[in-house]
Protein backbone atom coordinates (compact mmCIF):
# COMPACT_ATOMS: atom_id res chain seq x y z
CA UNK A 1 -1.58 3.07 -27.83
CA UNK A 2 1.20 2.96 -25.24
CA UNK A 3 0.25 3.77 -21.63
CA UNK A 4 2.78 5.10 -19.12
CA UNK A 5 2.05 5.76 -15.43
CA UNK A 6 3.86 8.72 -13.88
CA UNK A 7 4.36 9.56 -10.21
CA UNK A 8 2.71 12.99 -10.34
CA UNK A 9 2.79 15.83 -7.79
CA UNK A 10 1.86 13.73 -4.74
CA UNK A 11 4.83 11.36 -4.80
CA UNK A 12 6.58 13.03 -1.85
CA UNK A 13 3.32 13.08 0.14
CA UNK A 14 3.35 9.28 -0.10
CA UNK A 15 6.76 8.74 1.49
CA UNK A 16 8.02 6.46 3.02
CA UNK A 17 6.16 4.06 0.70
CA UNK A 18 7.38 5.77 -2.47
CA UNK A 19 11.01 5.61 -1.37
CA UNK A 20 11.07 2.05 -2.70
CA UNK A 21 8.41 2.01 -5.45
CA UNK A 22 6.63 4.23 -7.93
CA UNK A 23 3.21 5.57 -6.93
CA UNK A 24 1.75 3.06 -9.41
CA UNK A 25 2.88 0.12 -7.28
CA UNK A 26 1.08 1.17 -4.10
CA UNK A 27 -1.53 -1.39 -3.11
CA UNK A 28 -4.95 -0.05 -2.17
CA UNK A 29 -8.05 -2.22 -2.39
CA UNK A 30 -7.25 -5.70 -3.71
CA UNK A 31 -4.86 -4.68 -6.49
CA UNK A 32 -1.98 -2.27 -6.89
CA UNK A 33 -2.74 0.93 -8.79
CA UNK A 34 -0.77 -0.43 -11.76
CA UNK A 35 -2.74 -3.70 -11.76
CA UNK A 36 -6.01 -1.75 -11.77
CA UNK A 37 -5.06 0.34 -14.80
CA UNK A 38 -3.72 -2.69 -16.66
CA UNK A 39 -6.92 -4.64 -15.98
CA UNK A 40 -9.08 -1.85 -17.41
CA UNK A 41 -6.80 -0.98 -20.32
CA UNK A 42 -5.87 -4.61 -21.09
CA UNK A 43 -2.36 -3.33 -21.64
CA UNK A 44 0.97 -3.65 -19.81
CA UNK A 45 2.10 -0.29 -18.46
CA UNK A 46 5.53 1.14 -17.69
CA UNK A 47 6.53 3.96 -15.39
CA UNK A 48 8.06 7.42 -15.14
CA UNK A 49 9.51 7.64 -11.64
CA UNK A 50 12.59 8.79 -9.71
CA UNK A 51 15.94 8.23 -11.45
CA UNK A 52 17.24 5.86 -8.77
CA UNK A 53 14.16 3.62 -9.22
CA UNK A 54 14.27 3.63 -13.02
CA UNK A 55 16.48 0.54 -13.44
CA UNK A 56 13.97 -1.60 -11.55
CA UNK A 57 10.91 0.23 -12.92
CA UNK A 58 11.88 1.31 -16.46
CA UNK A 59 9.85 3.37 -18.91
CA UNK A 60 9.09 2.10 -22.40
CA UNK A 61 8.26 4.99 -24.71
CA UNK A 62 6.73 4.61 -28.16
CA UNK A 63 5.87 7.07 -30.92
CA UNK A 64 2.55 7.93 -29.27
CA UNK A 65 1.95 7.67 -25.52
CA UNK A 66 -0.78 8.40 -23.03
CA UNK A 67 0.70 9.46 -19.71
CA UNK A 68 -1.45 8.65 -16.66
CA UNK A 69 -1.17 10.19 -13.20
CA UNK A 70 -0.81 7.15 -10.93
CA UNK A 71 -2.46 8.91 -7.97
CA UNK A 72 -5.84 8.35 -9.65
CA UNK A 73 -7.56 4.96 -9.41
CA UNK A 74 -9.28 3.90 -12.63
CA UNK A 75 -12.95 3.20 -13.18
CA UNK A 76 -14.86 2.43 -16.35
CA UNK A 77 -15.89 6.04 -16.93
CA UNK A 78 -12.46 7.64 -16.58
CA UNK A 79 -10.76 4.87 -18.58
CA UNK A 80 -13.03 5.65 -21.53
CA UNK A 81 -11.95 9.31 -21.37
CA UNK A 82 -8.28 8.33 -21.11
CA UNK A 83 -8.41 5.85 -23.99
CA UNK A 84 -10.03 8.45 -26.27
CA UNK A 85 -7.53 11.25 -25.69
CA UNK A 86 -6.12 12.81 -28.85
CA UNK A 87 -2.75 14.43 -29.40
CA UNK A 88 -2.32 17.65 -27.41
CA UNK A 89 -5.26 16.88 -25.14
CA UNK A 90 -5.07 16.60 -21.35
CA UNK A 91 -7.73 15.19 -19.01
CA UNK A 92 -8.26 17.19 -15.82
CA UNK A 93 -10.07 16.70 -12.53
CA UNK A 94 -10.18 20.20 -11.11
CA UNK A 95 -6.58 21.45 -11.19
CA UNK A 96 -5.09 17.94 -11.32
CA UNK A 97 -4.07 16.29 -14.57
CA UNK A 98 -5.36 12.72 -14.79
CA UNK A 99 -3.78 11.93 -18.17
CA UNK A 100 -2.39 13.51 -21.32
CA UNK A 101 -1.35 12.49 -24.84
CA UNK A 102 2.33 13.00 -25.73
CA UNK A 103 4.63 11.97 -28.56
CA UNK A 104 8.01 10.27 -28.21
CA UNK A 105 10.71 12.54 -26.82
CA UNK A 106 8.28 15.34 -26.05
CA UNK A 107 8.93 17.04 -22.71
CA UNK A 108 5.80 18.46 -21.11
CA UNK A 109 6.46 21.04 -18.39
CA UNK A 110 3.04 22.69 -18.38
CA UNK A 111 -0.33 22.20 -20.00
CA UNK A 112 -1.09 25.73 -21.13
CA UNK A 113 -0.87 24.68 -24.80
CA UNK A 114 -3.01 21.57 -24.32
CA UNK A 115 -6.72 21.31 -25.00
CA UNK A 116 -8.23 20.70 -21.58
CA UNK A 117 -10.85 17.95 -21.19
CA UNK A 118 -12.68 18.06 -17.84
CA UNK A 119 -13.61 14.82 -16.08
CA UNK A 120 -16.69 15.44 -13.97
CA UNK A 121 -17.30 11.91 -12.71
CA UNK A 122 -16.33 10.39 -9.36
CA UNK A 123 -12.78 9.12 -8.99
CA UNK A 124 -10.60 8.02 -6.07
CA UNK A 125 -7.35 9.96 -5.65
CA UNK A 126 -4.46 8.84 -3.43
CA UNK A 127 -2.56 11.97 -2.43
CA UNK A 128 -1.60 11.30 1.22
CA UNK A 129 -0.33 8.20 3.00
CA UNK A 130 -3.49 8.04 5.10
CA UNK A 131 -5.64 7.92 1.96
CA UNK A 132 -4.32 4.38 1.48
CA UNK A 133 -6.34 3.13 4.47
CA UNK A 134 -9.02 5.84 4.56
CA UNK A 135 -10.14 5.14 0.97
CA UNK A 136 -9.43 1.42 1.07
CA UNK A 137 -13.06 0.38 1.56
CA UNK A 138 -14.19 2.05 -1.65
CA UNK A 139 -11.16 0.65 -3.49
CA UNK A 140 -11.92 -2.91 -2.31
CA UNK A 141 -15.50 -2.63 -3.57
CA UNK A 142 -14.37 -1.39 -7.00
CA UNK A 143 -11.67 -4.07 -7.32
CA UNK A 144 -14.05 -6.79 -6.12
CA UNK A 145 -16.59 -5.90 -8.82
CA UNK A 146 -13.83 -5.81 -11.43
CA UNK A 147 -12.27 -9.15 -10.46
CA UNK A 148 -15.43 -11.25 -10.02
CA UNK A 149 -17.24 -10.05 -13.14
CA UNK A 150 -18.56 -13.08 -15.07
CA UNK A 151 -16.75 -15.44 -12.69
CA UNK A 152 -17.93 -17.96 -10.12
CA UNK A 153 -16.52 -18.30 -6.62
CA UNK A 154 -15.19 -21.56 -5.27
CA UNK A 155 -17.69 -23.15 -2.85
CA UNK A 156 -17.72 -21.88 0.71
CA UNK A 157 -16.81 -24.83 2.99
CA UNK A 158 -19.62 -26.16 5.18
CA UNK A 159 -17.63 -25.41 8.37
CA UNK A 160 -17.52 -21.66 7.62
CA UNK A 161 -20.21 -19.40 9.13
CA UNK A 162 -21.26 -16.67 6.72
CA UNK A 163 -23.46 -13.58 6.53
CA UNK A 164 -24.23 -12.35 3.00
CA UNK A 165 -22.39 -15.23 1.31
CA UNK A 166 -23.23 -13.76 -2.11
CA UNK A 167 -20.75 -10.98 -1.23
CA UNK A 168 -17.90 -13.45 -0.66
CA UNK A 169 -15.55 -14.62 -3.41
CA UNK A 170 -13.04 -17.44 -2.94
CA UNK A 171 -10.30 -18.14 -5.47
CA UNK A 172 -8.98 -21.55 -6.40
CA UNK A 173 -6.65 -23.17 -3.87
CA UNK A 174 -7.82 -21.09 -0.89
CA UNK A 175 -8.30 -22.93 2.41
CA UNK A 176 -10.93 -21.99 5.01
CA UNK A 177 -12.16 -23.94 8.01
CA UNK A 178 -14.28 -23.08 11.07
CA UNK A 179 -14.12 -19.32 10.46
CA UNK A 180 -16.80 -16.61 10.47
CA UNK A 181 -17.14 -14.32 7.43
CA UNK A 182 -19.57 -11.39 7.70
CA UNK A 183 -19.90 -9.63 4.34
CA UNK A 184 -22.90 -7.50 5.28
CA UNK A 185 -20.83 -4.29 5.50
CA UNK A 186 -18.63 -4.98 2.47
CA UNK A 187 -17.27 -7.72 0.23
CA UNK A 188 -14.79 -10.37 1.32
CA UNK A 189 -12.23 -11.54 -1.23
CA UNK A 190 -10.10 -14.61 -0.50
CA UNK A 191 -7.22 -14.87 -2.99
CA UNK A 192 -5.62 -17.84 -4.68
CA UNK A 193 -3.91 -20.24 -2.24
CA UNK A 194 -4.74 -17.98 0.71
CA UNK A 195 -5.61 -19.53 4.08
CA UNK A 196 -8.06 -18.53 6.81
CA UNK A 197 -7.26 -20.61 9.89
CA UNK A 198 -9.75 -21.85 12.43
CA UNK A 199 -11.44 -19.38 14.74
CA UNK A 200 -10.80 -16.35 12.56
CA UNK A 201 -13.56 -13.72 12.58
CA UNK A 202 -13.85 -11.33 9.63
CA UNK A 203 -16.16 -8.40 8.97
CA UNK A 204 -15.72 -7.01 5.45
CA UNK A 205 -14.60 -5.30 3.41
CA UNK A 206 -11.54 -7.56 3.34
CA UNK A 207 -8.99 -8.31 0.64
CA UNK A 208 -6.93 -11.36 1.56
CA UNK A 209 -4.59 -11.55 -1.41
CA UNK A 210 -2.87 -14.53 -3.00
CA UNK A 211 -0.92 -16.80 -0.62
CA UNK A 212 -1.77 -14.62 2.41
CA UNK A 213 -2.72 -16.17 5.76
CA UNK A 214 -4.99 -15.29 8.66
CA UNK A 215 -3.64 -17.24 11.62
CA UNK A 216 -5.67 -18.95 14.34
CA UNK A 217 -8.30 -16.71 15.92
CA UNK A 218 -7.50 -13.58 13.93
CA UNK A 219 -10.00 -10.70 14.18
CA UNK A 220 -10.37 -8.43 11.13
CA UNK A 221 -12.81 -5.54 10.78
CA UNK A 222 -13.02 -2.27 8.97
CA UNK A 223 -11.82 -2.15 5.37
CA UNK A 224 -8.56 -4.12 5.46
CA UNK A 225 -6.15 -5.41 2.81
CA UNK A 226 -3.68 -8.20 3.51
CA UNK A 227 -1.21 -8.27 0.62
CA UNK A 228 0.28 -11.36 -1.04
CA UNK A 229 2.32 -13.77 1.09
CA UNK A 230 1.58 -11.86 4.33
CA UNK A 231 0.77 -13.63 7.60
CA UNK A 232 -1.56 -11.90 10.04
CA UNK A 233 -2.75 -12.64 13.56
CA UNK A 234 -4.35 -10.76 16.44
CA UNK A 235 -6.65 -7.77 15.82
CA UNK A 236 -6.57 -5.60 12.69
CA UNK A 237 -8.85 -2.67 11.89
CA UNK A 238 -8.93 -0.58 8.68
CA UNK A 239 -5.33 -1.24 7.63
CA UNK A 240 -3.40 -1.99 4.44
CA UNK A 241 -0.43 -4.35 4.30
CA UNK A 242 1.28 -4.24 0.91
CA UNK A 243 2.68 -7.78 0.82
CA UNK A 244 5.36 -10.17 2.15
CA UNK A 245 4.90 -8.69 5.64
CA UNK A 246 4.04 -10.35 8.92
CA UNK A 247 1.99 -9.47 11.96
CA UNK A 248 1.81 -13.07 13.02
CA UNK A 249 0.77 -12.79 16.67
CA UNK A 250 -1.61 -11.08 19.08
CA UNK A 251 -1.63 -7.30 19.26
CA UNK A 252 -3.60 -4.47 17.65
CA UNK A 253 -2.97 -2.76 14.31
CA UNK A 254 -5.43 -0.03 13.38
CA UNK A 255 -5.77 2.70 10.73
CA UNK A 256 -2.29 1.84 9.52
CA UNK A 257 -0.22 1.01 6.44
CA UNK A 258 2.71 -1.41 6.31
CA UNK A 259 4.98 -1.70 3.30
CA UNK A 260 6.61 -4.90 2.08
CA UNK A 261 9.01 -7.11 4.06
CA UNK A 262 7.92 -5.68 7.43
CA UNK A 263 7.60 -7.73 10.60
CA UNK A 264 5.80 -6.80 13.83
CA UNK A 265 6.94 -8.77 16.88
CA UNK A 266 4.50 -10.59 19.13
CA UNK A 267 2.14 -8.36 21.12
CA UNK A 268 3.04 -5.23 19.18
CA UNK A 269 0.30 -2.58 19.47
CA UNK A 270 -0.31 0.78 17.92
CA UNK A 271 -2.54 3.59 19.13
CA UNK A 272 -4.90 4.98 16.49
CA UNK A 273 -6.65 7.57 18.71
CA UNK A 274 -5.11 10.26 20.91
CA UNK A 275 -6.16 10.32 24.56
CA UNK A 276 -7.61 13.81 24.09
CA UNK A 277 -9.35 12.80 20.82
CA UNK A 278 -7.47 15.56 19.01
CA UNK A 279 -6.63 15.61 15.31
CA UNK A 280 -3.66 13.39 14.47
CA UNK A 281 -0.50 14.91 12.98
CA UNK A 282 1.94 12.91 10.84
CA UNK A 283 5.55 13.50 9.88
CA UNK A 284 5.81 15.33 6.55
CA UNK A 285 9.03 14.66 4.63
CA UNK A 286 8.67 17.84 2.59
CA UNK A 287 8.24 20.33 5.44
CA UNK A 288 10.35 18.20 7.82
CA UNK A 289 7.72 18.67 10.50
CA UNK A 290 4.41 17.26 11.67
CA UNK A 291 1.42 18.12 9.49
CA UNK A 292 -2.31 17.98 10.12
CA UNK A 293 -4.16 15.00 8.67
CA UNK A 294 -7.73 16.04 9.42
CA UNK A 295 -8.17 12.59 10.98
CA UNK A 296 -9.15 11.54 14.47
CA UNK A 297 -8.05 7.96 13.80
CA UNK A 298 -4.57 7.37 12.38
CA UNK A 299 -2.04 4.77 13.44
CA UNK A 300 1.29 3.52 12.06
CA UNK A 301 2.92 4.18 8.67
CA UNK A 302 5.86 1.79 8.23
CA UNK A 303 8.12 1.68 5.17
CA UNK A 304 9.54 -1.42 3.49
CA UNK A 305 11.98 -3.72 5.33
CA UNK A 306 11.28 -2.20 8.75
CA UNK A 307 10.72 -4.41 11.78
CA UNK A 308 10.00 -4.24 15.49
CA UNK A 309 10.57 -6.53 18.46
CA UNK A 310 8.06 -8.09 20.81
CA UNK A 311 5.82 -5.84 22.91
CA UNK A 312 6.64 -2.75 20.84
CA UNK A 313 4.25 0.17 21.42
CA UNK A 314 3.64 2.77 18.71
CA UNK A 315 2.02 6.11 19.50
CA UNK A 316 -0.84 7.57 17.48
CA UNK A 317 0.40 8.84 14.12
CA UNK A 318 3.85 7.25 14.01
CA UNK A 319 5.88 7.22 10.79
CA UNK A 320 8.69 4.68 10.43
CA UNK A 321 10.97 4.93 7.42
CA UNK A 322 12.62 2.20 5.35
CA UNK A 323 14.75 -0.55 6.88
CA UNK A 324 14.52 0.46 10.54
CA UNK A 325 14.69 -1.90 13.50
CA UNK A 326 12.76 -0.92 16.64
CA UNK A 327 12.79 -2.69 20.00
CA UNK A 328 12.68 -2.20 23.76
CA UNK A 329 10.19 -0.83 26.28
CA UNK A 330 8.38 2.49 26.09
CA UNK A 331 7.14 4.44 23.08
CA UNK A 332 9.62 5.33 20.34
CA UNK A 333 9.24 8.85 18.98
CA UNK A 334 6.54 9.55 16.37
CA UNK A 335 9.03 9.77 13.52
CA UNK A 336 11.66 7.06 13.11
CA UNK A 337 14.03 7.84 10.20
CA UNK A 338 15.04 5.20 7.68
CA UNK A 339 17.93 2.94 8.72
CA UNK A 340 17.45 3.57 12.44
CA UNK A 341 18.26 0.98 15.13
CA UNK A 342 16.89 1.37 18.66
CA UNK A 343 13.79 2.48 20.53
CA UNK A 344 12.50 4.87 23.17
CA UNK A 345 15.98 5.26 24.67
CA UNK A 346 17.39 6.50 21.40
CA UNK A 347 18.56 5.38 17.97
CA UNK A 348 21.80 4.76 16.14
CA UNK A 349 22.33 4.26 12.42
CA UNK A 350 21.48 0.82 11.08
CA UNK A 351 24.39 0.21 8.72
CA UNK A 352 23.53 -0.94 5.22
CA UNK A 353 25.75 -4.03 5.33
CA UNK A 354 23.80 -5.33 8.35
CA UNK A 355 20.44 -4.31 6.87
CA UNK A 356 21.28 -6.06 3.58
CA UNK A 357 22.20 -9.29 5.38
CA UNK A 358 18.77 -9.35 7.00
CA UNK A 359 16.94 -8.45 3.80
CA UNK A 360 18.66 -11.22 1.87
CA UNK A 361 17.71 -13.84 4.46
CA UNK A 362 14.12 -12.59 4.84
CA UNK A 363 13.47 -12.48 1.10
CA UNK A 364 15.11 -15.87 0.48
CA UNK A 365 12.57 -17.45 2.86
CA UNK A 366 9.87 -16.44 0.34
CA UNK A 367 12.06 -17.49 -2.60
CA UNK A 368 12.58 -13.88 -3.71
CA UNK A 369 16.06 -12.67 -4.65
CA UNK A 370 17.57 -9.60 -3.04
CA UNK A 371 19.07 -8.13 -6.19
CA UNK A 372 21.76 -5.59 -6.95
CA UNK A 373 18.94 -3.26 -8.03
CA UNK A 374 17.36 -3.60 -4.58
CA UNK A 375 20.71 -2.85 -2.93
CA UNK A 376 21.25 0.23 -5.08
CA UNK A 377 17.79 1.55 -4.24
CA UNK A 378 18.32 1.07 -0.51
CA UNK A 379 21.79 2.62 -0.66
CA UNK A 380 20.28 5.70 -2.31
CA UNK A 381 17.58 5.90 0.38
CA UNK A 382 20.26 5.57 3.08
CA UNK A 383 22.13 8.58 1.68
CA UNK A 384 18.98 10.60 0.97
CA UNK A 385 17.66 10.19 4.52
CA UNK A 386 20.95 10.74 6.32
CA UNK A 387 19.85 14.24 7.33
CA UNK A 388 17.09 12.79 9.55
CA UNK A 389 19.38 10.53 11.62
CA UNK A 390 20.96 12.13 14.66
CA UNK A 391 23.87 9.89 15.64
């Protein structure tokens, strides 16, 4: 059987992160959503996504295909339902389609002719940007149990203080010295070739992915994911960093999500709680206004390739688009459009030729090519988001 992940109805709710990737490639827990499904299915998936992303994330269709809504995170129970779908059947959770069986070339616009199969078990659904951090603890636990099954952790070094060491898993090549790991409130996963420098203090759940680094004296608490090749310092609470991003110095990041290739300057801080303790509102790309989140704690949402200078301050519930550069004193506004350059005193357009120069240098430092596909995607985003820039 061929399995294809599709973006589903919540793709626009997950902007700015889905500007540059399909829903399937969002990281929540230890793994991306795609990696989770592939681990359970033991099958390589492809993707139905936006046309401008299709060259980088192509779909491979076969005679018979099971289409999976990438907003749903797999577990053993739902995977069994998905794998056993028959032609003209669709698996539902309430009004949402989890998966359906389709044949090659068949366009499915509604499910009125499908036999409905109801899934009544528990399942995690990612339908808003804040779900990425709010549901990250449960996702870490599920991924942890999946990854460590029938495997043995590398030894915990004698210099490392631990609480609940049986809830700590260390992959080969990881380096830890003179750190404190408290896994009493959730598992701690240390990925391959990751490093936890001296003086770091961690309270799980934590996913420190492959080649990621906690710098000297880092403080991590609340369910937090540090994606591959990211470098983190200072204080981090209940946040998700997709990968290849840096918060290398002191400063607070809380209840936040950073995409890939982001960089926070030294002493950058975000607020995750309003002074009046009111519900946080976030920019909504569909309504082009600020929408209720139902959350009291919500910090910074920053899209891929965006960066900020030293001592940057972000207000509660700030959304930063793709490839923006923020600097200067004071608080920038709560919505910074993609390809913006400036700060609290105002923004101008960050031209693509300048943005591409930076991206090429930044990615080359990690031995990753900035390809023509990447340029085409960013050029499309630049044009699509032009309406939000004011200069």
